[in-house]
Structures are given as C-alpha cells and as structure tokens.
Amino acid sequence: MRRSNRSETSESLLDDEAGSAALEFIVAGVLLLVPLVYLVLVLGAVQEQTLGAEAAARHTARVIGQAPDARAAAERGDTVLAGVIREYGMDESAVDVAISCRPTAAECPGAGATVIVTVRAEVTLPLMPPIFGLDELAAIPVEAQAAQKVSRLWGSE
C-alpha cells in the first residue's frame, strides 16, 4: 500500500513546528504579565494613599475633638497630620486639609460642635514620566472625611 503525499506533508510540517509553542507561551505570557504587574502597582499605590487620607482625617478629627482648647487642638492636629503623612509616604505638597464645624459658629472648633476634617490627596501613577505633564494628568484624586463630636464642656477648665 502506498502512502499519500498528504501525510508526509503534515509530518514534515509538524517537525518544522518543534519548539514554537514555548516561544508563543513566553511572548503571550509577557504580553499579559506586564500590564497585570503594572495594574497591581497602581492599585497598591491608590490603596496606600486612600488609607493614608482616611487615617489622616480620622486621627486629626479625633485629636481636635479631644483637645482641651483651640491652641492645643491646632498644635496636636498639625502634629498628627504630619506624622500620618510621613508614615504613609504621602506627598506633603499634594495633601489638602480642610476643617469645618457643624453647626457653623464663629469659632471652629467650639463646644458642642461636630468637627469635620476633609483630606484630599493625589496619587501619581508609578513609572509615569514627568514629560509633557503626563505625571500630573494621570494623577488619581483621593478624598476622605471624618467627623468627631466636641464635648459641650470644651474650652472651659
């Protein structure tokens, strides 16, 4: 019985393909792995800054609400805020802090008021070059708020 040319051709094609599956696997793996690793880096940076903004707002509001007077509240608030910014590796120039009170009074914080601390920050994406302002365009804004009730006897010693 005679063999057909078709089977000989397919066998020679199979012999020519030896080793290309490993190359295809490596190329496809790198093409999928690089964006995945970058995504993990971005999510880690955003999570770190989010936790930092939340901790800064919460701890600053708590310290202001528990301070005995306005001078101590300002000093302690600044100290805690600087410590949290340093601990979470946040860019101090990119952090914006706003303090307000409810109900609105002439003096904030005041006795019986609720202190609301809002912390805003921007997360710059990792490995983003500062060419043409790309690092500023690709920044992700993060915001956190915290509230703390001030004692009705606040400021009276």
C-alpha atoms as a PDB file:
ATOM      1  CA  MET A   1       0.000   0.000   0.000  1.00  0.00           C
ATOM      2  CA  ARG A   2       1.261   3.350  -0.912  1.00  0.00           C
ATOM      3  CA  ARG A   3       1.340   6.334   1.468  1.00  0.00           C
ATOM      4  CA  SER A   4      -0.242   9.577   0.369  1.00  0.00           C
ATOM      5  CA  ASN A   5       1.691  12.773  -0.024  1.00  0.00           C
ATOM      6  CA  ARG A   6      -0.679  14.480   2.347  1.00  0.00           C
ATOM      7  CA  SER A   7       0.506  12.537   5.417  1.00  0.00           C
ATOM      8  CA  GLU A   8       4.138  13.121   4.507  1.00  0.00           C
ATOM      9  CA  THR A   9       3.498  16.828   4.174  1.00  0.00           C
ATOM     10  CA  SER A  10       1.709  17.042   7.528  1.00  0.00           C
ATOM     11  CA  GLU A  11       4.507  15.127   9.239  1.00  0.00           C
ATOM     12  CA  SER A  12       7.108  17.485   7.817  1.00  0.00           C
ATOM     13  CA  LEU A  13       5.046  20.480   8.993  1.00  0.00           C
ATOM     14  CA  LEU A  14       4.862  19.035  12.487  1.00  0.00           C
ATOM     15  CA  ASP A  15       8.607  18.589  12.501  1.00  0.00           C
ATOM     16  CA  ASP A  16       9.070  22.241  11.459  1.00  0.00           C
ATOM     17  CA  GLU A  17       6.866  23.485  14.347  1.00  0.00           C
ATOM     18  CA  ALA A  18       9.034  21.964  17.053  1.00  0.00           C
ATOM     19  CA  GLY A  19       9.784  24.436  19.829  1.00  0.00           C
ATOM     20  CA  SER A  20       7.478  27.248  18.704  1.00  0.00           C
ATOM     21  CA  ALA A  21       4.889  26.546  21.433  1.00  0.00           C
ATOM     22  CA  ALA A  22       7.369  27.543  24.116  1.00  0.00           C
ATOM     23  CA  LEU A  23       8.158  30.770  22.281  1.00  0.00           C
ATOM     24  CA  GLU A  24       4.458  31.563  21.843  1.00  0.00           C
ATOM     25  CA  PHE A  25       3.846  30.861  25.524  1.00  0.00           C
ATOM     26  CA  ILE A  26       6.655  33.188  26.582  1.00  0.00           C
ATOM     27  CA  VAL A  27       5.519  36.020  24.282  1.00  0.00           C
ATOM     28  CA  ALA A  28       1.866  35.702  25.307  1.00  0.00           C
ATOM     29  CA  GLY A  29       2.861  35.446  28.968  1.00  0.00           C
ATOM     30  CA  VAL A  30       4.957  38.607  28.828  1.00  0.00           C
ATOM     31  CA  LEU A  31       2.247  40.495  26.941  1.00  0.00           C
ATOM     32  CA  LEU A  32      -0.283  39.571  29.616  1.00  0.00           C
ATOM     33  CA  LEU A  33       2.007  39.734  32.627  1.00  0.00           C
ATOM     34  CA  VAL A  34       3.426  43.235  32.159  1.00  0.00           C
ATOM     35  CA  PRO A  35       0.019  45.013  32.246  1.00  0.00           C
ATOM     36  CA  LEU A  36      -1.055  42.820  35.156  1.00  0.00           C
ATOM     37  CA  VAL A  37       2.033  43.737  37.191  1.00  0.00           C
ATOM     38  CA  TYR A  38       1.501  47.430  36.399  1.00  0.00           C
ATOM     39  CA  LEU A  39      -2.135  47.153  37.478  1.00  0.00           C
ATOM     40  CA  VAL A  40      -1.048  45.643  40.791  1.00  0.00           C
ATOM     41  CA  LEU A  41       1.440  48.518  41.296  1.00  0.00           C
ATOM     42  CA  VAL A  42      -1.228  51.134  40.537  1.00  0.00           C
ATOM     43  CA  LEU A  43      -3.800  49.523  42.821  1.00  0.00           C
ATOM     44  CA  GLY A  44      -1.217  49.292  45.600  1.00  0.00           C
ATOM     45  CA  ALA A  45      -0.347  52.980  45.276  1.00  0.00           C
ATOM     46  CA  VAL A  46      -4.006  54.025  45.250  1.00  0.00           C
ATOM     47  CA  GLN A  47      -4.776  51.809  48.246  1.00  0.00           C
ATOM     48  CA  GLU A  48      -1.824  53.212  50.212  1.00  0.00           C
ATOM     49  CA  GLN A  49      -2.854  56.830  49.564  1.00  0.00           C
ATOM     50  CA  THR A  50      -6.517  56.051  50.317  1.00  0.00           C
ATOM     51  CA  LEU A  51      -5.612  54.501  53.644  1.00  0.00           C
ATOM     52  CA  GLY A  52      -3.309  57.430  54.390  1.00  0.00           C
ATOM     53  CA  ALA A  53      -6.008  60.018  53.625  1.00  0.00           C
ATOM     54  CA  GLU A  54      -8.541  58.125  55.729  1.00  0.00           C
ATOM     55  CA  ALA A  55      -6.126  57.776  58.662  1.00  0.00           C
ATOM     56  CA  ALA A  56      -5.144  61.447  58.456  1.00  0.00           C
ATOM     57  CA  ALA A  57      -8.779  62.593  58.500  1.00  0.00           C
ATOM     58  CA  ARG A  58      -9.826  60.225  61.286  1.00  0.00           C
ATOM     59  CA  HIS A  59      -6.901  60.830  63.626  1.00  0.00           C
ATOM     60  CA  THR A  60      -6.844  64.585  63.067  1.00  0.00           C
ATOM     61  CA  ALA A  61     -10.564  64.867  63.805  1.00  0.00           C
ATOM     62  CA  ARG A  62     -10.184  62.744  66.924  1.00  0.00           C
ATOM     63  CA  VAL A  63      -7.263  64.783  68.259  1.00  0.00           C
ATOM     64  CA  ILE A  64      -9.036  68.089  67.606  1.00  0.00           C
ATOM     65  CA  GLY A  65     -12.226  66.856  69.253  1.00  0.00           C
ATOM     66  CA  GLN A  66     -10.412  65.642  72.376  1.00  0.00           C
ATOM     67  CA  ALA A  67      -8.121  68.661  72.829  1.00  0.00           C
ATOM     68  CA  PRO A  68      -8.772  70.904  75.836  1.00  0.00           C
ATOM     69  CA  ASP A  69      -8.724  74.191  73.881  1.00  0.00           C
ATOM     70  CA  ALA A  70      -8.250  75.702  70.404  1.00  0.00           C
ATOM     71  CA  ARG A  71      -4.492  76.226  70.723  1.00  0.00           C
ATOM     72  CA  ALA A  72      -3.867  72.620  71.784  1.00  0.00           C
ATOM     73  CA  ALA A  73      -6.232  71.398  69.048  1.00  0.00           C
ATOM     74  CA  ALA A  74      -4.253  73.221  66.349  1.00  0.00           C
ATOM     75  CA  GLU A  75      -0.885  72.009  67.632  1.00  0.00           C
ATOM     76  CA  ARG A  76      -1.978  68.398  68.098  1.00  0.00           C
ATOM     77  CA  GLY A  77      -3.814  68.345  64.779  1.00  0.00           C
ATOM     78  CA  ASP A  78      -0.748  69.561  62.888  1.00  0.00           C
ATOM     79  CA  THR A  79       1.491  67.053  64.670  1.00  0.00           C
ATOM     80  CA  VAL A  80      -0.799  64.103  63.972  1.00  0.00           C
ATOM     81  CA  LEU A  81      -1.337  65.143  60.358  1.00  0.00           C
ATOM     82  CA  ALA A  82       2.407  65.446  59.722  1.00  0.00           C
ATOM     83  CA  GLY A  83       3.006  62.042  61.327  1.00  0.00           C
ATOM     84  CA  VAL A  84       0.364  60.290  59.228  1.00  0.00           C
ATOM     85  CA  ILE A  85       1.604  61.920  56.024  1.00  0.00           C
ATOM     86  CA  ARG A  86       5.137  60.778  56.801  1.00  0.00           C
ATOM     87  CA  GLU A  87       4.030  57.258  57.799  1.00  0.00           C
ATOM     88  CA  TYR A  88       2.062  56.630  54.617  1.00  0.00           C
ATOM     89  CA  GLY A  89       4.656  58.209  52.331  1.00  0.00           C
ATOM     90  CA  MET A  90       2.276  60.841  51.018  1.00  0.00           C
ATOM     91  CA  ASP A  91       3.497  63.903  49.156  1.00  0.00           C
ATOM     92  CA  GLU A  92       3.018  66.765  51.621  1.00  0.00           C
ATOM     93  CA  SER A  93       2.512  69.310  48.845  1.00  0.00           C
ATOM     94  CA  ALA A  94      -0.251  67.182  47.274  1.00  0.00           C
ATOM     95  CA  VAL A  95      -2.265  66.856  50.513  1.00  0.00           C
ATOM     96  CA  ASP A  96      -5.015  69.401  51.152  1.00  0.00           C
ATOM     97  CA  VAL A  97      -6.754  69.512  54.553  1.00  0.00           C
ATOM     98  CA  ALA A  98      -9.997  71.356  55.297  1.00  0.00           C
ATOM     99  CA  ILE A  99     -11.532  71.648  58.765  1.00  0.00           C
ATOM    100  CA  SER A 100     -15.136  72.723  59.255  1.00  0.00           C
ATOM    101  CA  CYS A 101     -17.694  72.583  62.048  1.00  0.00           C
ATOM    102  CA  ARG A 102     -21.388  71.821  62.275  1.00  0.00           C
ATOM    103  CA  PRO A 103     -23.283  73.862  63.310  1.00  0.00           C
ATOM    104  CA  THR A 104     -21.318  76.736  61.851  1.00  0.00           C
ATOM    105  CA  ALA A 105     -20.027  79.004  64.579  1.00  0.00           C
ATOM    106  CA  ALA A 106     -17.677  81.954  64.856  1.00  0.00           C
ATOM    107  CA  GLU A 107     -15.032  79.770  66.455  1.00  0.00           C
ATOM    108  CA  CYS A 108     -14.219  76.386  64.982  1.00  0.00           C
ATOM    109  CA  PRO A 109     -13.861  74.071  66.819  1.00  0.00           C
ATOM    110  CA  GLY A 110     -16.260  75.096  69.529  1.00  0.00           C
ATOM    111  CA  ALA A 111     -18.034  73.486  72.466  1.00  0.00           C
ATOM    112  CA  GLY A 112     -20.714  71.018  71.358  1.00  0.00           C
ATOM    113  CA  ALA A 113     -19.836  71.272  67.659  1.00  0.00           C
ATOM    114  CA  THR A 114     -19.014  68.441  65.313  1.00  0.00           C
ATOM    115  CA  VAL A 115     -15.590  68.819  63.725  1.00  0.00           C
ATOM    116  CA  ILE A 116     -15.377  67.584  60.125  1.00  0.00           C
ATOM    117  CA  VAL A 117     -11.915  67.038  58.672  1.00  0.00           C
ATOM    118  CA  THR A 118     -11.586  66.527  54.921  1.00  0.00           C
ATOM    119  CA  VAL A 119      -8.285  65.313  53.470  1.00  0.00           C
ATOM    120  CA  ARG A 120      -7.676  65.393  49.718  1.00  0.00           C
ATOM    121  CA  ALA A 121      -4.622  63.933  48.026  1.00  0.00           C
ATOM    122  CA  GLU A 122      -3.493  62.966  44.552  1.00  0.00           C
ATOM    123  CA  VAL A 123      -1.931  59.631  43.707  1.00  0.00           C
ATOM    124  CA  THR A 124       0.674  59.816  40.961  1.00  0.00           C
ATOM    125  CA  LEU A 125       0.837  56.637  38.956  1.00  0.00           C
ATOM    126  CA  PRO A 126       4.056  54.641  39.267  1.00  0.00           C
ATOM    127  CA  LEU A 127       6.557  54.768  36.402  1.00  0.00           C
ATOM    128  CA  MET A 128       4.743  57.727  34.813  1.00  0.00           C
ATOM    129  CA  PRO A 129       7.318  60.078  33.261  1.00  0.00           C
ATOM    130  CA  PRO A 130       7.134  63.807  34.001  1.00  0.00           C
ATOM    131  CA  ILE A 131       7.366  64.558  30.267  1.00  0.00           C
ATOM    132  CA  PHE A 132       4.693  66.957  28.938  1.00  0.00           C
ATOM    133  CA  GLY A 133       2.963  66.862  32.335  1.00  0.00           C
ATOM    134  CA  LEU A 134       1.902  63.226  31.979  1.00  0.00           C
ATOM    135  CA  ASP A 135       2.508  62.563  35.663  1.00  0.00           C
ATOM    136  CA  GLU A 136       0.043  65.320  36.612  1.00  0.00           C
ATOM    137  CA  LEU A 137      -2.539  64.290  34.012  1.00  0.00           C
ATOM    138  CA  ALA A 138      -2.504  60.692  35.193  1.00  0.00           C
ATOM    139  CA  ALA A 139      -2.929  61.545  38.884  1.00  0.00           C
ATOM    140  CA  ILE A 140      -5.862  59.976  40.699  1.00  0.00           C
ATOM    141  CA  PRO A 141      -7.656  62.146  43.290  1.00  0.00           C
ATOM    142  CA  VAL A 142      -8.383  60.588  46.690  1.00  0.00           C
ATOM    143  CA  GLU A 143     -10.585  62.110  49.395  1.00  0.00           C
ATOM    144  CA  ALA A 144     -11.507  61.103  52.938  1.00  0.00           C
ATOM    145  CA  GLN A 145     -13.701  62.692  55.580  1.00  0.00           C
ATOM    146  CA  ALA A 146     -14.045  62.139  59.306  1.00  0.00           C
ATOM    147  CA  ALA A 147     -16.253  63.691  61.950  1.00  0.00           C
ATOM    148  CA  GLN A 148     -15.751  63.986  65.708  1.00  0.00           C
ATOM    149  CA  LYS A 149     -18.124  65.422  68.292  1.00  0.00           C
ATOM    150  CA  VAL A 150     -16.548  68.014  70.596  1.00  0.00           C
ATOM    151  CA  SER A 151     -17.547  67.995  74.256  1.00  0.00           C
ATOM    152  CA  ARG A 152     -20.061  70.609  75.424  1.00  0.00           C
ATOM    153  CA  LEU A 153     -17.577  71.497  78.167  1.00  0.00           C
ATOM    154  CA  TRP A 154     -14.735  72.040  75.659  1.00  0.00           C
ATOM    155  CA  GLY A 155     -12.545  75.014  76.451  1.00  0.00           C
ATOM    156  CA  SER A 156     -13.819  75.503  79.988  1.00  0.00           C
ATOM    157  CA  GLU A 157     -11.304  74.396  82.565  1.00  0.00           C
END
